[in-house]
Amino acid sequence: MKMEGTRETCRPYSRLEPQPTKGEVWVWYVYELCSYFVHTVLIPIVFSLIIGQIVDSPTEPLRGWNKSAKGLACQIDEMELYERLTHRSVSIGNSKVSPLEWTSISWGIGLILASPALRFVSTNLDHGQNQVVIAGAATAIGAFFCLPVGFFKVTWIFPLYVAPIVVAITVSTASHSRHHGLMIQGFTGPSLQRHQFPNRRGVSSRLSLNATGVGCLGSAVIVAFVYYMLRIQDIFTGLWVDSIFSGLIWLAGIVHVFTLRPGATITSPLPKDHFLSIFKSHHGLGTLIVVGLSSFTSMCIFTGGVLFLVGELCLKPVFLLYFWLIYFIFPSVSLPMLQSVQLILKTNAVKMHLLGLILSLVTSGIGFQFRKDNWERHYILIFAALQSTSTGVMHAFARVLLMDCSPAGKEGAFATWFSWVKMAGTCIGFAVASGAAAGNVGTSFGIAFCTAAVAMVISIYGNISDVAGAVAAGLISEEGEMVSSPIANGSDHSNSINNDDDENAKKEAVPVGEEAA
């Protein structure tokens, strides 16, 4: 009865979405290319490095600048940079924090400021005609605050830069994720028969995996630029230029807003708790919890691993570049391959997300086990490839799973919470690995391992399912109901994003239970 009530509630918001054109899909990819790096590179790496260049030079450690905590030979410049990032030199009242911790605090302030806007954003993304204004303003504001970070060489001002960027990327990512849900409806129709759901699964997975792979390429470009700027004499100015460059790339992605789809027109008053819709969905709420835990795990492993490579293993800077490039480029190769594996094995989004968690469990477990050893270079690169694939898989299939659980007309509400929780998990993971666990990779990997294990338990025993979630959301019709789907009409568009047919699909109602022609 509860599930039937949910479907009845969703029907007034259902409508026929036009099939996305090839241009719309590519522009959607472009925005991921121009924005994915914001939470993976710009905030945790670029801003931390800039703050590290502002603080006073740390005192020389007892072991000297040319040795790491493991006693390995190091380059002086490399160790000075590491100490600048981890030494608590930023004053906050009577306390002091490191540049990495100050970045985490600024990030957290942004998430707190974004919280009151969740209701406004989710409501206006789903209903009305303001989607372009909201997403466009968020992108423009976020890009703008990337520009002035080098004007004032003081640390206290950085929350004024980072917080608006965090709010902006949260809002724009919500809009981008909502667009994903609407495009899937355009390809498959708002309601399917149960046996047709694999078609939706294939289209949704392909879109999300391709976008994630493209987004990782954008991160690779920014991180390569960071490495170059760290090699010049005036590092501070170089990193400022990097921030400006990042802002301009992000701004270029604003072209995506012109393809956004309007919300539904509702004659009856909108429920006041519309933005809390996800908490009424068992599968949506479970997915949200897993998203937060997996985001925490990914960033905790990445941050702890990078600090370990620089501060303890003292790897040459050029090898760190190789590590970064493999970490951000490899998913563009591995994710499409996993899409083929998924289609062959007919695996759902929950199992694919579990695969990502298993990979994180493996990398963090092995890293913890051998935390006291000097890692061989080829093992480090394998570590980067596995963990980057894990991060990409969890990001892509979390979006797929959440949109499968989102009722028609509530994609914005679900996407807004998805964006905020993902950003919160990433922020906390960064804070843990760069705060108390900085210099102790065992703590970072140990916490990440436990978090991944908890996420796996919730995924397996929390009864989270894409099909059941779609049924509860009204995306799968029961026997005797009418469906409106291009698939039901005998037109399978699961591969249409790869051909040149840009015409909208015609959708006509057919009885459920009738086989696709």
Foldseek 3Di string as FASTA:
>chain_A
DLLVVLLVVQVVFFDQFWAFFLVLLVLLLLLLLLQVLVLVDVLQPLQLLLLLVLFDFDDADPVGQQAFPLRDGADNLLSSSLCSQQPFGADDPPDTGHSLLLSLVLLVLLLVVLVVCLLVLLQQLAADFCQLVQLLVLLLQLLVLLQCPLVDSHSVCVSVSNSSNNNSSLSNQLLSLLQLLSNLCLQWNQAAALVCVLLSQLQLLVSLLLSLLSSLVSNLVLVVQLLVLSPDDPNNVSSSVSSNVSSVSSNVSSVSSVSGDGHGYDPDDDDSCLLVVQVSFLQLVLLLLLLLLLLLLLLLLVLLVLLCCRRHLNDDSVLVSVLSNLLSNLSNVVSVVVSVVCVVVVDGLLVLLLVLLVLSLVLLVVCLVCVSPNDDSVVSSVSSNSSSNSSSSNSRSSSVLNSLLAANSSSSSSSSSSSSSSSVSNSVSSSVSSGPVRVPSNVSSVVSNVSSVVSSCCSVPSPHDSSVSNSSNNRYDDAFDKGWTLQQQQDRCSPVSPDNDRGTRDTDIDGPPDDRD
